[in-house]
Protein backbone atom coordinates (compact mmCIF):
# COMPACT_ATOMS: atom_id res chain seq x y z
CA MET A 1 -32.06 3.58 14.66
CA ASP A 2 -28.82 3.56 16.66
CA THR A 3 -27.80 7.20 16.27
CA GLU A 4 -24.63 6.81 18.33
CA ARG A 5 -23.41 4.06 16.00
CA LEU A 6 -24.17 6.13 12.92
CA GLU A 7 -22.52 9.20 14.40
CA ARG A 8 -19.33 7.23 15.10
CA GLN A 9 -19.33 5.86 11.56
CA ILE A 10 -19.81 9.36 10.12
CA ARG A 11 -17.00 10.72 12.34
CA PHE A 12 -14.73 8.00 10.98
CA ILE A 13 -15.71 8.77 7.38
CA VAL A 14 -14.93 12.45 7.95
CA GLU A 15 -11.63 11.57 9.69
CA ILE A 16 -10.36 9.38 6.86
CA ASP A 17 -10.83 12.26 4.41
CA ARG A 18 -7.48 13.39 5.83
CA LEU A 19 -5.82 10.52 3.92
CA LYS A 20 -6.07 12.74 0.84
CA GLN A 21 -3.53 15.04 2.49
CA VAL A 22 -0.85 12.38 3.07
CA VAL A 23 1.63 12.79 0.22
CA ARG A 24 3.66 9.78 -0.93
CA GLN A 25 7.05 9.62 -2.63
CA THR A 26 5.48 8.09 -5.74
CA ILE A 27 4.73 10.53 -8.51
CA LEU A 28 1.81 10.34 -10.91
CA THR A 29 2.54 8.83 -14.29
CA ASP A 30 2.17 12.25 -15.92
CA ARG A 31 4.89 13.54 -13.53
CA THR A 32 2.84 16.58 -12.47
CA ARG A 33 2.93 15.85 -8.74
CA GLN A 34 3.28 13.22 -6.05
CA GLU A 35 0.29 11.03 -5.37
CA ASN A 36 -1.56 11.00 -2.07
CA ASP A 37 -2.46 7.95 0.00
CA ALA A 38 -6.12 8.03 -1.01
CA GLU A 39 -5.16 7.91 -4.69
CA HIS A 40 -2.77 5.04 -3.99
CA SER A 41 -5.50 3.09 -2.17
CA TRP A 42 -8.03 3.69 -4.97
CA HIS A 43 -5.51 2.59 -7.59
CA MET A 44 -4.86 -0.63 -5.70
CA ALA A 45 -8.58 -1.31 -5.26
CA VAL A 46 -8.96 -1.28 -9.03
CA MET A 47 -5.93 -3.55 -9.33
CA VAL A 48 -7.53 -6.08 -6.96
CA PHE A 49 -10.25 -7.06 -9.38
CA LEU A 50 -8.29 -6.49 -12.59
CA LEU A 51 -5.34 -8.65 -11.52
CA SER A 52 -7.11 -11.17 -9.26
CA GLU A 53 -6.50 -13.98 -11.74
CA TYR A 54 -2.77 -13.75 -10.92
CA ALA A 55 -3.11 -14.37 -7.18
CA ASN A 56 -1.15 -17.45 -6.11
CA GLU A 57 -4.22 -18.88 -4.40
CA ASN A 58 -7.27 -19.66 -6.55
CA GLN A 59 -10.00 -19.15 -3.98
CA ILE A 60 -9.15 -15.90 -2.23
CA ASP A 61 -11.77 -13.60 -0.76
CA LEU A 62 -11.53 -10.57 -3.06
CA PHE A 63 -13.82 -8.48 -0.88
CA ARG A 64 -11.43 -9.03 2.03
CA VAL A 65 -8.48 -8.03 -0.19
CA MET A 66 -10.42 -4.94 -1.29
CA LYS A 67 -11.03 -3.93 2.32
CA MET A 68 -7.35 -4.38 3.16
CA VAL A 69 -6.08 -2.24 0.30
CA LEU A 70 -8.60 0.49 1.10
CA ILE A 71 -7.72 0.71 4.80
CA HIS A 72 -4.05 -0.33 4.98
CA ASP A 73 -2.68 3.23 4.83
CA LEU A 74 -5.26 4.93 7.06
CA VAL A 75 -2.71 4.81 9.87
CA GLU A 76 -0.59 7.25 7.88
CA ILE A 77 -3.09 10.00 8.75
CA ASP A 78 -1.27 10.13 12.11
CA ALA A 79 1.98 8.27 11.42
CA GLY A 80 2.75 9.92 8.08
CA ASP A 81 4.13 8.23 5.00
CA THR A 82 7.53 6.60 5.43
CA TYR A 83 9.51 6.28 2.21
CA CYS A 84 10.03 2.57 1.70
CA TYR A 85 13.77 2.96 1.04
CA ASP A 86 14.41 5.24 4.03
CA GLU A 87 16.08 2.94 6.57
CA HIS A 88 16.29 5.68 9.20
CA GLY A 89 12.64 6.69 8.76
CA ARG A 90 11.51 3.07 9.03
CA GLN A 91 12.91 2.80 12.56
CA GLY A 92 9.94 2.90 14.91
CA GLN A 93 7.49 2.89 11.99
CA ARG A 94 5.49 -0.07 13.28
CA GLU A 95 5.11 1.52 16.73
CA ARG A 96 3.96 4.83 15.21
CA GLU A 97 1.49 3.01 13.01
CA GLU A 98 0.17 0.82 15.87
CA LYS A 99 -0.53 3.96 17.90
CA ALA A 100 -2.25 5.57 14.91
CA ALA A 101 -4.35 2.44 14.28
CA ARG A 102 -5.59 2.45 17.88
CA ARG A 103 -6.67 6.10 17.67
CA ILE A 104 -8.18 6.10 14.20
CA PHE A 105 -10.02 2.78 14.36
CA SER A 106 -11.34 3.53 17.86
CA ILE A 107 -13.51 6.25 16.34
CA LEU A 108 -15.70 3.45 14.95
CA PRO A 109 -18.22 1.35 16.85
CA VAL A 110 -16.44 -1.45 18.74
CA ASP A 111 -17.25 -4.24 16.28
CA GLN A 112 -16.08 -2.27 13.25
CA ALA A 113 -13.01 -1.00 15.10
CA ALA A 114 -12.07 -4.62 15.84
CA GLU A 115 -12.61 -5.62 12.20
CA MET A 116 -10.48 -2.74 10.92
CA THR A 117 -7.72 -3.50 13.42
CA ASP A 118 -7.75 -7.19 12.48
CA LEU A 119 -7.64 -6.38 8.77
CA TRP A 120 -4.78 -3.95 9.26
CA HIS A 121 -2.74 -6.48 11.26
CA GLU A 122 -3.52 -9.21 8.73
CA PHE A 123 -2.23 -6.98 5.93
CA GLU A 124 0.87 -5.86 7.81
CA ASP A 125 1.81 -9.38 8.87
CA ARG A 126 0.90 -11.00 5.50
CA ILE A 127 -0.52 -14.00 7.32
CA THR A 128 -3.20 -15.03 4.81
CA PRO A 129 -3.32 -15.53 1.03
CA GLU A 130 -5.53 -12.42 0.87
CA ALA A 131 -2.98 -10.32 2.75
CA ARG A 132 -0.13 -11.62 0.62
CA PHE A 133 -2.00 -10.71 -2.56
CA ALA A 134 -2.86 -7.26 -1.16
CA ALA A 135 0.80 -6.74 -0.23
CA ALA A 136 1.87 -7.81 -3.72
CA LEU A 137 -0.33 -5.10 -5.22
CA ASP A 138 0.92 -2.58 -2.66
CA ARG A 139 4.46 -3.15 -3.93
CA LEU A 140 3.54 -3.41 -7.61
CA GLN A 141 1.61 -0.11 -7.82
CA PRO A 142 4.51 2.24 -6.98
CA LEU A 143 6.88 0.06 -9.00
CA LEU A 144 4.70 0.62 -12.07
CA ASN A 145 4.66 4.36 -11.43
CA ASN A 146 8.43 4.47 -10.96
CA TYR A 147 8.99 2.56 -14.18
CA THR A 148 6.44 4.59 -16.16
CA THR A 149 8.05 7.86 -15.04
CA GLU A 150 11.47 6.61 -16.12
CA GLY A 151 12.68 6.28 -12.56
CA VAL A 152 12.43 9.93 -11.57
CA MET A 153 12.00 9.18 -7.86
CA TRP A 154 14.51 6.32 -7.91
CA GLN A 155 17.09 8.68 -9.32
CA LYS A 156 16.16 11.54 -7.01
CA ASN A 157 16.66 9.28 -3.99
CA GLY A 158 19.72 7.36 -5.25
CA ILE A 159 17.96 3.99 -5.32
CA HIS A 160 19.73 0.95 -6.80
CA ARG A 161 18.54 -2.28 -8.40
CA GLU A 162 19.22 -4.48 -5.35
CA GLN A 163 17.15 -2.21 -3.11
CA VAL A 164 14.21 -2.43 -5.50
CA LEU A 165 14.50 -6.21 -5.81
CA GLU A 166 14.75 -6.66 -2.04
CA ARG A 167 11.83 -4.33 -1.32
CA ASN A 168 9.53 -5.85 -3.91
CA ASN A 169 10.30 -9.58 -3.80
CA VAL A 170 7.28 -10.08 -1.52
CA ILE A 171 5.20 -9.74 -4.68
CA ASP A 172 6.21 -13.35 -5.32
CA ASP A 173 4.47 -14.48 -2.11
CA GLY A 174 1.11 -13.21 -3.32
CA ALA A 175 1.33 -13.33 -7.10
CA ALA A 176 4.28 -15.16 -8.69
CA VAL A 177 3.26 -14.14 -12.22
CA LEU A 178 3.22 -10.49 -11.21
CA TRP A 179 6.66 -10.92 -9.62
CA GLN A 180 8.02 -12.31 -12.90
CA TYR A 181 6.59 -9.26 -14.63
CA ALA A 182 8.04 -6.95 -11.98
CA GLU A 183 11.49 -8.55 -12.26
CA SER A 184 11.52 -8.04 -16.02
CA MET A 185 10.42 -4.44 -15.53
CA ILE A 186 13.23 -3.86 -12.99
CA HIS A 187 15.76 -5.41 -15.38
CA ASP A 188 14.48 -3.22 -18.21
CA ALA A 189 14.64 -0.14 -15.95
CA VAL A 190 18.32 -0.81 -15.33
CA GLU A 191 18.93 -1.40 -19.05
CA LYS A 192 17.23 1.89 -19.92
CA GLY A 193 19.07 3.83 -17.22
CA TYR A 194 15.96 4.53 -15.11
CA LEU A 195 17.44 2.62 -12.17
CA ALA A 196 21.07 2.42 -11.08
CA GLU A 197 22.78 -0.94 -11.11
């Protein structure tokens, strides 16, 4: 048995427990608190297999999508969560996340570190059908929570319809049917006063 390899894997597993401490701007549907990154990643992992029939591409590798949604926010252990509508906070975000990816993934054995890094870049750059579908779910999940909570966080942060449409239109690249659903939800949110025009 390669004990060094196992020890590195265990160190990584212990390290990523810290993802449970990264608080997001999205609140739970019962409005009791904000969700953490680990909860967000779990929610998306369930969405991968439940909504896979809506991916634009018929023959995507769902296991690859699953890996992407589970690891895409690990960089936030170091880089922190950046609110998607915070233009100032998004400046330098990629550099902060690249630095975090190097540190966190380097805990793993070299081959797994390379795989994680490649998956993270694939997701961030949306260069494959799998990454585009994963990104679609990453945008849809908080949109659902915002709608279900009657736009509490949208209102708290002064978010308008055009911002939400612009932020989430990448759903169309990975799952056009889900984008149609999202657009109707955004329209309904405006109609109901959850989201400012």
